Amino acid sequence: MVTVPTPAGEARITWYRAHQARAVLALGHGAGGGIEARDLRALAAALPARGFGVALVEQPWRVAGKKVAPAPRTLDAAWTALWPVLEEPGLPVVAGGRSAGARVACRTARELGAHAVLALSFPLHPPGRPEKSRAAELTAAGVPTLVVQGGRDPFGGPAEFPEGTEIVEVPYGDHGFAVPKKADIGEAEAMAVLTDAAGEWLTGLFG
């Protein structure tokens, strides 16, 4: 675990190293939780064995114990400030995150030189407000982007994304990729859909 000073306060990076890593996947959390999210933990557990290091990034507001995320520009400033630490292993860095963290990754990818973006539960619009689309943020990333989205995500289902979006659906998943008890897959299977898709996509990018 590494603490990194940023203009918004201290951020924290928890590393999951890979032997002979080919790239690093940096993952930010959402506005409603931290790096304990099931999808972030699943990726951190699964990807190092496939040759990809994972860095789970805690934004300063979470490190400080605050309950409300700051404005997007503040999130972007902190992410930008800690980016050089993510590059220190000398490997290509893929930016990513869940929900608000995915938005940060998309907004800053081109400026920071991210090799790609992994967007988990991208909040395409506020629940019930499809006219408030954030599709422009996603398409402006300017690098190869994979979206992994729950089939029943109220912030935007897979079918709502712009044509041409590379997207993988987690069946029955909500915004946190939780699946209902009556679904014909359990949480472990849902997380396997996510980690397998991410692993195959990264392997396609980096060999």
N, C-alpha and C. Protein backbone atom coordinates (compact mmCIF):
# COMPACT_ATOMS: atom_id res chain seq x y z
N MET A 1 0.85 -1.20 0.00
CA MET A 1 0.00 0.00 0.00
C MET A 1 0.88 1.24 0.00
N VAL A 2 0.55 2.18 -0.87
CA VAL A 2 1.34 3.40 -1.02
C VAL A 2 0.42 4.61 -0.87
N THR A 3 0.85 5.58 -0.09
CA THR A 3 0.11 6.83 0.05
C THR A 3 0.74 7.88 -0.87
N VAL A 4 -0.12 8.58 -1.60
CA VAL A 4 0.36 9.52 -2.61
C VAL A 4 -0.27 10.89 -2.37
N PRO A 5 0.54 11.95 -2.24
CA PRO A 5 -0.04 13.29 -2.08
C PRO A 5 -0.65 13.77 -3.40
N THR A 6 -1.80 14.41 -3.31
CA THR A 6 -2.46 15.00 -4.48
C THR A 6 -3.01 16.37 -4.06
N PRO A 7 -3.43 17.19 -5.02
CA PRO A 7 -4.02 18.49 -4.66
C PRO A 7 -5.28 18.37 -3.82
N ALA A 8 -5.91 17.20 -3.84
CA ALA A 8 -7.14 17.00 -3.07
C ALA A 8 -6.91 16.30 -1.74
N GLY A 9 -5.66 16.04 -1.40
CA GLY A 9 -5.34 15.29 -0.19
C GLY A 9 -4.62 14.00 -0.54
N GLU A 10 -4.39 13.18 0.45
CA GLU A 10 -3.64 11.94 0.22
C GLU A 10 -4.53 10.87 -0.40
N ALA A 11 -4.06 10.28 -1.48
CA ALA A 11 -4.69 9.11 -2.09
C ALA A 11 -3.92 7.87 -1.65
N ARG A 12 -4.51 6.71 -1.91
CA ARG A 12 -3.87 5.48 -1.48
C ARG A 12 -3.97 4.44 -2.60
N ILE A 13 -2.87 3.75 -2.86
CA ILE A 13 -2.83 2.72 -3.89
C ILE A 13 -2.49 1.38 -3.23
N THR A 14 -3.32 0.38 -3.46
CA THR A 14 -3.05 -0.98 -2.99
C THR A 14 -2.70 -1.82 -4.20
N TRP A 15 -1.49 -2.38 -4.19
CA TRP A 15 -0.96 -3.11 -5.34
C TRP A 15 -1.21 -4.61 -5.23
N TYR A 16 -1.54 -5.20 -6.34
CA TYR A 16 -1.61 -6.66 -6.49
C TYR A 16 -0.69 -6.99 -7.65
N ARG A 17 0.51 -7.41 -7.32
CA ARG A 17 1.56 -7.57 -8.33
C ARG A 17 1.40 -8.88 -9.09
N ALA A 18 1.89 -8.85 -10.32
CA ALA A 18 1.91 -10.04 -11.16
C ALA A 18 3.35 -10.40 -11.48
N HIS A 19 3.64 -11.70 -11.51
CA HIS A 19 4.97 -12.17 -11.92
C HIS A 19 5.09 -11.98 -13.43
N GLN A 20 6.16 -11.34 -13.86
CA GLN A 20 6.37 -11.05 -15.29
C GLN A 20 5.15 -10.36 -15.89
N ALA A 21 4.71 -9.31 -15.23
CA ALA A 21 3.52 -8.58 -15.66
C ALA A 21 3.71 -7.97 -17.04
N ARG A 22 2.61 -7.93 -17.80
CA ARG A 22 2.62 -7.32 -19.13
C ARG A 22 2.05 -5.91 -19.10
N ALA A 23 1.24 -5.61 -18.09
CA ALA A 23 0.62 -4.29 -17.98
C ALA A 23 0.07 -4.14 -16.57
N VAL A 24 -0.30 -2.92 -16.23
CA VAL A 24 -0.94 -2.61 -14.96
C VAL A 24 -2.34 -2.11 -15.23
N LEU A 25 -3.31 -2.63 -14.49
CA LEU A 25 -4.68 -2.13 -14.56
C LEU A 25 -4.95 -1.33 -13.30
N ALA A 26 -5.15 -0.02 -13.46
CA ALA A 26 -5.44 0.87 -12.34
C ALA A 26 -6.94 1.06 -12.23
N LEU A 27 -7.50 0.78 -11.07
CA LEU A 27 -8.95 0.81 -10.90
C LEU A 27 -9.36 1.76 -9.78
N GLY A 28 -10.20 2.73 -10.13
CA GLY A 28 -10.78 3.62 -9.15
C GLY A 28 -12.16 3.15 -8.73
N HIS A 29 -12.60 3.59 -7.57
CA HIS A 29 -13.90 3.16 -7.02
C HIS A 29 -14.99 4.15 -7.42
N GLY A 30 -16.20 3.84 -7.00
CA GLY A 30 -17.34 4.69 -7.30
C GLY A 30 -17.57 5.76 -6.24
N ALA A 31 -18.64 6.51 -6.43
CA ALA A 31 -18.97 7.58 -5.49
C ALA A 31 -19.68 7.08 -4.25
N GLY A 32 -20.15 5.85 -4.30
CA GLY A 32 -20.90 5.31 -3.16
C GLY A 32 -20.16 4.27 -2.35
N GLY A 33 -18.89 4.04 -2.65
CA GLY A 33 -18.13 3.02 -1.93
C GLY A 33 -16.67 3.10 -2.29
N GLY A 34 -15.90 2.14 -1.77
CA GLY A 34 -14.47 2.16 -1.97
C GLY A 34 -13.97 0.94 -2.70
N ILE A 35 -12.71 0.59 -2.46
CA ILE A 35 -12.09 -0.51 -3.19
C ILE A 35 -12.54 -1.88 -2.69
N GLU A 36 -13.44 -1.89 -1.71
CA GLU A 36 -13.99 -3.17 -1.25
C GLU A 36 -15.08 -3.69 -2.18
N ALA A 37 -15.43 -2.96 -3.22
CA ALA A 37 -16.48 -3.37 -4.15
C ALA A 37 -16.16 -4.75 -4.74
N ARG A 38 -17.20 -5.55 -4.92
CA ARG A 38 -17.01 -6.94 -5.34
C ARG A 38 -16.29 -7.06 -6.68
N ASP A 39 -16.57 -6.17 -7.62
CA ASP A 39 -15.93 -6.28 -8.92
C ASP A 39 -14.45 -5.92 -8.86
N LEU A 40 -14.10 -4.89 -8.09
CA LEU A 40 -12.70 -4.51 -7.96
C LEU A 40 -11.90 -5.60 -7.27
N ARG A 41 -12.46 -6.17 -6.22
CA ARG A 41 -11.78 -7.25 -5.51
C ARG A 41 -11.62 -8.49 -6.39
N ALA A 42 -12.64 -8.79 -7.18
CA ALA A 42 -12.57 -9.96 -8.06
C ALA A 42 -11.46 -9.80 -9.10
N LEU A 43 -11.35 -8.62 -9.67
CA LEU A 43 -10.30 -8.38 -10.66
C LEU A 43 -8.92 -8.43 -10.02
N ALA A 44 -8.78 -7.86 -8.83
CA ALA A 44 -7.50 -7.89 -8.13
C ALA A 44 -7.07 -9.31 -7.79
N ALA A 45 -8.04 -10.19 -7.54
CA ALA A 45 -7.73 -11.58 -7.21
C ALA A 45 -7.42 -12.41 -8.45
N ALA A 46 -8.05 -12.08 -9.58
CA ALA A 46 -7.96 -12.96 -10.75
C ALA A 46 -6.87 -12.57 -11.75
N LEU A 47 -6.64 -11.29 -11.94
CA LEU A 47 -5.80 -10.87 -13.07
C LEU A 47 -4.30 -11.06 -12.88
N PRO A 48 -3.72 -10.93 -11.67
CA PRO A 48 -2.28 -11.13 -11.56
C PRO A 48 -1.81 -12.49 -12.06
N ALA A 49 -2.61 -13.52 -11.87
CA ALA A 49 -2.24 -14.85 -12.36
C ALA A 49 -2.21 -14.92 -13.88
N ARG A 50 -2.88 -13.95 -14.52
CA ARG A 50 -2.90 -13.91 -15.98
C ARG A 50 -1.87 -12.93 -16.54
N GLY A 51 -1.02 -12.40 -15.66
CA GLY A 51 0.06 -11.54 -16.12
C GLY A 51 -0.24 -10.06 -16.09
N PHE A 52 -1.26 -9.66 -15.33
CA PHE A 52 -1.61 -8.24 -15.26
C PHE A 52 -1.67 -7.80 -13.80
N GLY A 53 -0.82 -6.84 -13.45
CA GLY A 53 -0.87 -6.28 -12.12
C GLY A 53 -2.10 -5.41 -11.97
N VAL A 54 -2.60 -5.31 -10.75
CA VAL A 54 -3.77 -4.49 -10.47
C VAL A 54 -3.42 -3.50 -9.36
N ALA A 55 -3.79 -2.26 -9.58
CA ALA A 55 -3.62 -1.21 -8.56
C ALA A 55 -5.00 -0.67 -8.21
N LEU A 56 -5.44 -0.89 -6.98
CA LEU A 56 -6.72 -0.36 -6.53
C LEU A 56 -6.48 1.01 -5.90
N VAL A 57 -7.13 2.02 -6.45
CA VAL A 57 -6.86 3.40 -6.09
C VAL A 57 -8.00 3.97 -5.25
N GLU A 58 -7.65 4.46 -4.06
CA GLU A 58 -8.63 5.12 -3.18
C GLU A 58 -8.46 6.63 -3.31
N GLN A 59 -9.53 7.28 -3.73
CA GLN A 59 -9.51 8.73 -3.86
C GLN A 59 -9.35 9.39 -2.48
N PRO A 60 -8.78 10.61 -2.42
CA PRO A 60 -8.53 11.27 -1.14
C PRO A 60 -9.75 11.40 -0.25
N TRP A 61 -10.93 11.61 -0.82
CA TRP A 61 -12.11 11.77 0.04
C TRP A 61 -12.42 10.50 0.81
N ARG A 62 -12.13 9.33 0.21
CA ARG A 62 -12.34 8.07 0.92
C ARG A 62 -11.26 7.85 1.96
N VAL A 63 -10.02 8.18 1.61
CA VAL A 63 -8.92 8.03 2.57
C VAL A 63 -9.18 8.90 3.80
N ALA A 64 -9.76 10.08 3.59
CA ALA A 64 -10.04 11.01 4.69
C ALA A 64 -11.29 10.63 5.48
N GLY A 65 -12.01 9.60 5.04
CA GLY A 65 -13.18 9.16 5.77
C GLY A 65 -14.45 9.93 5.48
N LYS A 66 -14.44 10.70 4.41
CA LYS A 66 -15.64 11.46 4.05
C LYS A 66 -16.66 10.56 3.34
N LYS A 67 -17.92 10.94 3.39
CA LYS A 67 -18.98 10.10 2.85
C LYS A 67 -19.51 10.57 1.49
N VAL A 68 -19.13 11.77 1.10
CA VAL A 68 -19.64 12.34 -0.15
C VAL A 68 -18.47 12.65 -1.07
N ALA A 69 -18.56 12.19 -2.31
CA ALA A 69 -17.50 12.44 -3.29
C ALA A 69 -17.50 13.91 -3.71
N PRO A 70 -16.32 14.44 -4.01
CA PRO A 70 -16.25 15.83 -4.46
C PRO A 70 -16.62 15.95 -5.94
N ALA A 71 -16.47 17.15 -6.47
CA ALA A 71 -16.80 17.42 -7.87
C ALA A 71 -15.90 16.63 -8.81
N PRO A 72 -16.39 16.34 -10.02
CA PRO A 72 -15.58 15.58 -10.99
C PRO A 72 -14.19 16.16 -11.21
N ARG A 73 -14.07 17.48 -11.28
CA ARG A 73 -12.75 18.07 -11.55
C ARG A 73 -11.76 17.74 -10.42
N THR A 74 -12.27 17.62 -9.19
CA THR A 74 -11.41 17.27 -8.06
C THR A 74 -10.97 15.82 -8.15
N LEU A 75 -11.89 14.94 -8.53
CA LEU A 75 -11.54 13.53 -8.73
C LEU A 75 -10.49 13.40 -9.83
N ASP A 76 -10.68 14.13 -10.92
CA ASP A 76 -9.74 14.06 -12.03
C ASP A 76 -8.36 14.58 -11.62
N ALA A 77 -8.33 15.63 -10.83
CA ALA A 77 -7.06 16.21 -10.40
C ALA A 77 -6.27 15.23 -9.53
N ALA A 78 -6.96 14.54 -8.64
CA ALA A 78 -6.29 13.56 -7.79
C ALA A 78 -5.77 12.39 -8.62
N TRP A 79 -6.58 11.89 -9.53
CA TRP A 79 -6.19 10.77 -10.39
C TRP A 79 -4.97 11.15 -11.23
N THR A 80 -4.98 12.36 -11.77
CA THR A 80 -3.87 12.84 -12.58
C THR A 80 -2.59 12.93 -11.76
N ALA A 81 -2.71 13.39 -10.51
CA ALA A 81 -1.54 13.56 -9.66
C ALA A 81 -0.90 12.23 -9.28
N LEU A 82 -1.69 11.20 -9.12
CA LEU A 82 -1.13 9.91 -8.70
C LEU A 82 -0.70 9.04 -9.88
N TRP A 83 -1.03 9.45 -11.09
CA TRP A 83 -0.72 8.65 -12.27
C TRP A 83 0.76 8.28 -12.40
N PRO A 84 1.70 9.20 -12.14
CA PRO A 84 3.11 8.83 -12.25
C PRO A 84 3.50 7.65 -11.37
N VAL A 85 2.87 7.48 -10.23
CA VAL A 85 3.16 6.33 -9.36
C VAL A 85 2.69 5.04 -10.03
N LEU A 86 1.58 5.10 -10.73
CA LEU A 86 1.09 3.92 -11.44
C LEU A 86 2.04 3.52 -12.57
N GLU A 87 2.73 4.50 -13.13
CA GLU A 87 3.66 4.23 -14.24
C GLU A 87 5.04 3.78 -13.76
N GLU A 88 5.31 3.87 -12.46
CA GLU A 88 6.65 3.57 -11.96
C GLU A 88 7.15 2.17 -12.28
N PRO A 89 6.28 1.13 -12.30
CA PRO A 89 6.81 -0.19 -12.67
C PRO A 89 7.32 -0.26 -14.10
N GLY A 90 7.09 0.78 -14.91
CA GLY A 90 7.60 0.79 -16.27
C GLY A 90 6.78 -0.02 -17.24
N LEU A 91 5.52 -0.26 -16.92
CA LEU A 91 4.63 -1.06 -17.75
C LEU A 91 3.53 -0.20 -18.33
N PRO A 92 2.90 -0.63 -19.43
CA PRO A 92 1.73 0.08 -19.92
C PRO A 92 0.65 0.10 -18.83
N VAL A 93 -0.05 1.22 -18.72
CA VAL A 93 -1.10 1.35 -17.71
C VAL A 93 -2.46 1.45 -18.40
N VAL A 94 -3.37 0.60 -17.99
CA VAL A 94 -4.76 0.67 -18.42
C VAL A 94 -5.54 1.35 -17.30
N ALA A 95 -6.24 2.43 -17.64
CA ALA A 95 -7.05 3.14 -16.66
C ALA A 95 -8.41 2.47 -16.56
N GLY A 96 -8.96 2.46 -15.37
CA GLY A 96 -10.28 1.85 -15.21
C GLY A 96 -10.91 2.22 -13.89
N GLY A 97 -12.06 1.67 -13.68
CA GLY A 97 -12.77 1.91 -12.44
C GLY A 97 -14.23 1.56 -12.59
N ARG A 98 -14.94 1.65 -11.48
CA ARG A 98 -16.36 1.39 -11.51
C ARG A 98 -17.14 2.70 -11.32
N SER A 99 -18.21 2.85 -12.06
CA SER A 99 -19.13 3.98 -11.92
C SER A 99 -18.39 5.32 -12.04
N ALA A 100 -18.37 6.13 -10.98
CA ALA A 100 -17.67 7.41 -11.05
C ALA A 100 -16.20 7.22 -11.40
N GLY A 101 -15.61 6.13 -10.94
CA GLY A 101 -14.22 5.85 -11.28
C GLY A 101 -14.02 5.59 -12.76
N ALA A 102 -15.02 4.98 -13.39
CA ALA A 102 -14.96 4.76 -14.84
C ALA A 102 -15.03 6.09 -15.58
N ARG A 103 -15.84 7.00 -15.08
CA ARG A 103 -15.94 8.32 -15.71
C ARG A 103 -14.60 9.06 -15.61
N VAL A 104 -13.96 8.99 -14.46
CA VAL A 104 -12.64 9.63 -14.29
C VAL A 104 -11.66 9.05 -15.31
N ALA A 105 -11.64 7.72 -15.42
CA ALA A 105 -10.72 7.07 -16.34
C ALA A 105 -10.95 7.53 -17.77
N CYS A 106 -12.21 7.63 -18.18
CA CYS A 106 -12.53 8.07 -19.54
C CYS A 106 -12.13 9.52 -19.77
N ARG A 107 -12.42 10.38 -18.80
CA ARG A 107 -12.15 11.81 -18.98
C ARG A 107 -10.66 12.12 -19.07
N THR A 108 -9.82 11.31 -18.44
CA THR A 108 -8.40 11.63 -18.34
C THR A 108 -7.51 10.74 -19.20
N ALA A 109 -8.06 9.73 -19.84
CA ALA A 109 -7.25 8.71 -20.53
C ALA A 109 -6.32 9.31 -21.57
N ARG A 110 -6.87 10.16 -22.42
CA ARG A 110 -6.06 10.72 -23.51
C ARG A 110 -4.93 11.60 -22.96
N GLU A 111 -5.25 12.45 -22.00
CA GLU A 111 -4.26 13.37 -21.43
C GLU A 111 -3.12 12.62 -20.76
N LEU A 112 -3.45 11.53 -20.06
CA LEU A 112 -2.45 10.82 -19.27
C LEU A 112 -1.69 9.77 -20.06
N GLY A 113 -2.15 9.47 -21.25
CA GLY A 113 -1.48 8.44 -22.05
C GLY A 113 -1.84 7.03 -21.64
N ALA A 114 -3.03 6.84 -21.09
CA ALA A 114 -3.50 5.49 -20.78
C ALA A 114 -3.57 4.67 -22.06
N HIS A 115 -3.21 3.41 -21.97
CA HIS A 115 -3.23 2.56 -23.16
C HIS A 115 -4.63 2.08 -23.51
N ALA A 116 -5.52 2.06 -22.54
CA ALA A 116 -6.89 1.60 -22.75
C ALA A 116 -7.70 1.96 -21.51
N VAL A 117 -9.01 1.74 -21.58
CA VAL A 117 -9.89 2.00 -20.44
C VAL A 117 -10.81 0.80 -20.22
N LEU A 118 -10.90 0.37 -18.97
CA LEU A 118 -11.87 -0.65 -18.56
C LEU A 118 -12.93 0.05 -17.72
N ALA A 119 -14.13 0.16 -18.26
CA ALA A 119 -15.22 0.89 -17.60
C ALA A 119 -16.22 -0.10 -17.01
N LEU A 120 -16.27 -0.16 -15.70
CA LEU A 120 -17.17 -1.08 -15.00
C LEU A 120 -18.40 -0.31 -14.53
N SER A 121 -19.59 -0.80 -14.87
CA SER A 121 -20.83 -0.13 -14.46
C SER A 121 -20.80 1.35 -14.81
N PHE A 122 -20.47 1.65 -16.06
CA PHE A 122 -20.41 3.05 -16.47
C PHE A 122 -21.80 3.67 -16.30
N PRO A 123 -21.90 4.78 -15.55
CA PRO A 123 -23.21 5.40 -15.30
C PRO A 123 -23.64 6.25 -16.50
N LEU A 124 -24.22 5.59 -17.46
CA LEU A 124 -24.56 6.24 -18.73
C LEU A 124 -25.52 7.41 -18.53
N HIS A 125 -26.39 7.29 -17.55
CA HIS A 125 -27.32 8.37 -17.22
C HIS A 125 -27.82 8.16 -15.80
N PRO A 126 -28.35 9.19 -15.15
CA PRO A 126 -28.97 8.98 -13.83
C PRO A 126 -30.18 8.03 -13.99
N PRO A 127 -30.49 7.25 -12.97
CA PRO A 127 -31.63 6.33 -13.06
C PRO A 127 -32.92 7.04 -13.47
N GLY A 128 -33.56 6.50 -14.47
CA GLY A 128 -34.82 7.07 -14.94
C GLY A 128 -34.68 8.33 -15.77
N ARG A 129 -33.45 8.74 -16.09
CA ARG A 129 -33.21 9.98 -16.84
C ARG A 129 -32.33 9.73 -18.07
N PRO A 130 -32.79 8.90 -19.00
CA PRO A 130 -31.95 8.58 -20.16
C PRO A 130 -31.58 9.79 -21.01
N GLU A 131 -32.37 10.86 -20.89
CA GLU A 131 -32.05 12.06 -21.67
C GLU A 131 -30.79 12.77 -21.15
N LYS A 132 -30.35 12.44 -19.93
CA LYS A 132 -29.15 13.03 -19.34
C LYS A 132 -27.94 12.14 -19.62
N SER A 133 -27.71 11.87 -20.89
CA SER A 133 -26.68 10.89 -21.28
C SER A 133 -25.27 11.41 -21.04
N ARG A 134 -24.40 10.49 -20.59
CA ARG A 134 -22.97 10.78 -20.44
C ARG A 134 -22.17 10.02 -21.50
N ALA A 135 -22.83 9.63 -22.57
CA ALA A 135 -22.15 8.85 -23.61
C ALA A 135 -20.93 9.58 -24.16
N ALA A 136 -20.99 10.90 -24.22
CA ALA A 136 -19.88 11.67 -24.77
C ALA A 136 -18.60 11.46 -23.97
N GLU A 137 -18.72 11.31 -22.66
CA GLU A 137 -17.54 11.04 -21.83
C GLU A 137 -16.90 9.73 -22.24
N LEU A 138 -17.73 8.73 -22.45
CA LEU A 138 -17.24 7.40 -22.80
C LEU A 138 -16.56 7.41 -24.16
N THR A 139 -17.21 8.00 -25.14
CA THR A 139 -16.67 7.96 -26.49
C THR A 139 -15.47 8.88 -26.67
N ALA A 140 -15.30 9.84 -25.76
CA ALA A 140 -14.17 10.76 -25.85
C ALA A 140 -12.89 10.20 -25.24
N ALA A 141 -12.93 8.99 -24.69
CA ALA A 141 -11.74 8.42 -24.05
C ALA A 141 -10.56 8.38 -25.03
N GLY A 142 -10.84 8.07 -26.29
CA GLY A 142 -9.80 8.13 -27.30
C GLY A 142 -8.84 6.96 -27.33
N VAL A 143 -9.13 5.90 -26.56
CA VAL A 143 -8.30 4.70 -26.51
C VAL A 143 -9.23 3.49 -26.53
N PRO A 144 -8.71 2.28 -26.79
CA PRO A 144 -9.57 1.10 -26.72
C PRO A 144 -10.28 1.02 -25.38
N THR A 145 -11.59 0.83 -25.41
CA THR A 145 -12.40 0.86 -24.19
C THR A 145 -13.33 -0.34 -24.14
N LEU A 146 -13.31 -1.03 -23.02
CA LEU A 146 -14.25 -2.12 -22.77
C LEU A 146 -15.18 -1.72 -21.64
N VAL A 147 -16.48 -1.84 -21.88
CA VAL A 147 -17.48 -1.60 -20.86
C VAL A 147 -18.00 -2.95 -20.36
N VAL A 148 -18.05 -3.12 -19.06
CA VAL A 148 -18.69 -4.30 -18.46
C VAL A 148 -19.88 -3.77 -17.66
N GLN A 149 -21.07 -4.20 -18.04
CA GLN A 149 -22.29 -3.60 -17.51
C GLN A 149 -23.27 -4.68 -17.04
N GLY A 150 -23.91 -4.44 -15.91
CA GLY A 150 -24.95 -5.35 -15.44
C GLY A 150 -26.17 -5.31 -16.33
N GLY A 151 -26.80 -6.43 -16.53
CA GLY A 151 -27.96 -6.50 -17.40
C GLY A 151 -29.14 -5.69 -16.93
N ARG A 152 -29.21 -5.41 -15.61
CA ARG A 152 -30.32 -4.62 -15.08
C ARG A 152 -29.81 -3.38 -14.32
N ASP A 153 -28.75 -2.79 -14.86
CA ASP A 153 -28.18 -1.59 -14.25
C ASP A 153 -29.11 -0.40 -14.51
N PRO A 154 -29.64 0.24 -13.45
CA PRO A 154 -30.55 1.36 -13.65
C PRO A 154 -29.87 2.61 -14.21
N PHE A 155 -28.53 2.63 -14.17
CA PHE A 155 -27.79 3.75 -14.73
C PHE A 155 -27.52 3.58 -16.23
N GLY A 156 -28.08 2.55 -16.81
CA GLY A 156 -27.91 2.30 -18.23
C GLY A 156 -27.66 0.84 -18.52
N GLY A 157 -28.61 0.20 -19.20
CA GLY A 157 -28.44 -1.20 -19.57
C GLY A 157 -27.57 -1.33 -20.81
N PRO A 158 -27.04 -2.51 -21.07
CA PRO A 158 -26.15 -2.71 -22.21
C PRO A 158 -26.72 -2.23 -23.54
N ALA A 159 -28.01 -2.43 -23.74
CA ALA A 159 -28.62 -2.05 -25.02
C ALA A 159 -28.70 -0.54 -25.22
N GLU A 160 -28.50 0.24 -24.16
CA GLU A 160 -28.60 1.70 -24.27
C GLU A 160 -27.32 2.37 -24.73
N PHE A 161 -26.23 1.64 -24.79
CA PHE A 161 -24.94 2.25 -25.11
C PHE A 161 -24.83 2.54 -26.61
N PRO A 162 -24.00 3.52 -26.97
CA PRO A 162 -23.87 3.88 -28.38
C PRO A 162 -23.43 2.69 -29.24
N GLU A 163 -23.89 2.69 -30.47
CA GLU A 163 -23.50 1.65 -31.41
C GLU A 163 -21.98 1.65 -31.56
N GLY A 164 -21.41 0.49 -31.57
CA GLY A 164 -19.96 0.36 -31.68
C GLY A 164 -19.25 0.22 -30.35
N THR A 165 -19.96 0.41 -29.23
CA THR A 165 -19.34 0.24 -27.91
C THR A 165 -18.98 -1.24 -27.71
N GLU A 166 -17.74 -1.49 -27.31
CA GLU A 166 -17.34 -2.85 -26.95
C GLU A 166 -17.84 -3.11 -25.53
N ILE A 167 -18.80 -4.01 -25.40
CA ILE A 167 -19.49 -4.15 -24.11
C ILE A 167 -19.74 -5.61 -23.81
N VAL A 168 -19.59 -5.95 -22.54
CA VAL A 168 -19.88 -7.30 -22.03
C VAL A 168 -20.96 -7.17 -20.97
N GLU A 169 -21.98 -7.97 -21.09
CA GLU A 169 -23.08 -7.93 -20.12
C GLU A 169 -22.87 -8.98 -19.03
N VAL A 170 -23.04 -8.57 -17.79
CA VAL A 170 -23.11 -9.51 -16.67
C VAL A 170 -24.60 -9.79 -16.45
N PRO A 171 -25.07 -10.98 -16.79
CA PRO A 171 -26.50 -11.26 -16.73
C PRO A 171 -27.08 -10.99 -15.34
N TYR A 172 -28.21 -10.31 -15.31
CA TYR A 172 -28.98 -10.03 -14.09
C TYR A 172 -28.29 -9.04 -13.16
N GLY A 173 -27.08 -8.59 -13.48
CA GLY A 173 -26.35 -7.73 -12.56
C GLY A 173 -26.95 -6.35 -12.42
N ASP A 174 -26.93 -5.81 -11.20
CA ASP A 174 -27.36 -4.43 -10.99
C ASP A 174 -26.13 -3.52 -11.09
N HIS A 175 -26.21 -2.30 -10.58
CA HIS A 175 -25.10 -1.36 -10.72
C HIS A 175 -23.86 -1.84 -9.96
N GLY A 176 -24.04 -2.62 -8.93
CA GLY A 176 -22.92 -3.19 -8.19
C GLY A 176 -22.61 -4.62 -8.59
N PHE A 177 -23.23 -5.09 -9.68
CA PHE A 177 -23.08 -6.46 -10.18
C PHE A 177 -23.65 -7.52 -9.23
N ALA A 178 -24.51 -7.09 -8.32
CA ALA A 178 -25.23 -8.06 -7.51
C ALA A 178 -26.31 -8.71 -8.38
N VAL A 179 -26.52 -10.00 -8.19
CA VAL A 179 -27.56 -10.72 -8.93
C VAL A 179 -28.63 -11.19 -7.94
N PRO A 180 -29.90 -11.17 -8.35
CA PRO A 180 -30.96 -11.61 -7.43
C PRO A 180 -30.88 -13.10 -7.15
N LYS A 181 -31.40 -13.50 -6.00
CA LYS A 181 -31.36 -14.91 -5.60
C LYS A 181 -32.07 -15.82 -6.60
N LYS A 182 -33.10 -15.28 -7.26
CA LYS A 182 -33.87 -16.10 -8.20
C LYS A 182 -33.17 -16.26 -9.56
N ALA A 183 -32.06 -15.54 -9.77
CA ALA A 183 -31.34 -15.66 -11.04
C ALA A 183 -30.71 -17.04 -11.18
N ASP A 184 -30.46 -17.43 -12.42
CA ASP A 184 -29.89 -18.77 -12.62
C ASP A 184 -28.36 -18.76 -12.59
N ILE A 185 -27.76 -17.62 -12.16
CA ILE A 185 -26.33 -17.60 -11.86
C ILE A 185 -26.15 -16.96 -10.49
N GLY A 186 -25.08 -17.34 -9.82
CA GLY A 186 -24.76 -16.76 -8.52
C GLY A 186 -23.69 -15.70 -8.65
N GLU A 187 -23.29 -15.12 -7.51
CA GLU A 187 -22.29 -14.05 -7.53
C GLU A 187 -20.96 -14.52 -8.09
N ALA A 188 -20.54 -15.74 -7.73
CA ALA A 188 -19.25 -16.24 -8.22
C ALA A 188 -19.25 -16.34 -9.74
N GLU A 189 -20.35 -16.81 -10.29
CA GLU A 189 -20.44 -16.92 -11.75
C GLU A 189 -20.49 -15.55 -12.41
N ALA A 190 -21.20 -14.63 -11.79
CA ALA A 190 -21.27 -13.26 -12.33
C ALA A 190 -19.88 -12.62 -12.35
N MET A 191 -19.13 -12.80 -11.27
CA MET A 191 -17.79 -12.25 -11.22
C MET A 191 -16.86 -12.94 -12.21
N ALA A 192 -17.10 -14.21 -12.47
CA ALA A 192 -16.29 -14.92 -13.46
C ALA A 192 -16.52 -14.37 -14.86
N VAL A 193 -17.77 -13.97 -15.16
CA VAL A 193 -18.05 -13.33 -16.45
C VAL A 193 -17.19 -12.08 -16.58
N LEU A 194 -17.16 -11.29 -15.52
CA LEU A 194 -16.41 -10.03 -15.52
C LEU A 194 -14.90 -10.28 -15.64
N THR A 195 -14.36 -11.12 -14.80
CA THR A 195 -12.91 -11.31 -14.79
C THR A 195 -12.42 -12.01 -16.06
N ASP A 196 -13.21 -12.95 -16.57
CA ASP A 196 -12.82 -13.61 -17.82
C ASP A 196 -12.81 -12.62 -18.98
N ALA A 197 -13.85 -11.78 -19.03
CA ALA A 197 -13.93 -10.80 -20.11
C ALA A 197 -12.76 -9.82 -20.04
N ALA A 198 -12.46 -9.34 -18.84
CA ALA A 198 -11.35 -8.40 -18.68
C ALA A 198 -10.02 -9.06 -19.02
N GLY A 199 -9.83 -10.28 -18.55
CA GLY A 199 -8.58 -10.99 -18.83
C GLY A 199 -8.37 -11.24 -20.32
N GLU A 200 -9.41 -11.64 -21.00
CA GLU A 200 -9.31 -11.90 -22.45
C GLU A 200 -9.06 -10.61 -23.22
N TRP A 201 -9.72 -9.56 -22.81
CA TRP A 201 -9.54 -8.26 -23.47
C TRP A 201 -8.12 -7.75 -23.29
N LEU A 202 -7.61 -7.83 -22.07
CA LEU A 202 -6.23 -7.38 -21.81
C LEU A 202 -5.22 -8.24 -22.57
N THR A 203 -5.46 -9.54 -22.63
CA THR A 203 -4.57 -10.42 -23.39
C THR A 203 -4.58 -10.07 -24.86
N GLY A 204 -5.75 -9.71 -25.38
CA GLY A 204 -5.84 -9.27 -26.76
C GLY A 204 -5.06 -7.99 -27.03
N LEU A 205 -4.99 -7.12 -26.02
CA LEU A 205 -4.26 -5.86 -26.17
C LEU A 205 -2.75 -6.03 -26.04
N PHE A 206 -2.33 -6.90 -25.11
CA PHE A 206 -0.92 -6.98 -24.75
C PHE A 206 -0.28 -8.33 -25.03
N GLY A 207 -1.03 -9.27 -25.55
CA GLY A 207 -0.47 -10.57 -25.89
C GLY A 207 -0.27 -11.49 -24.71
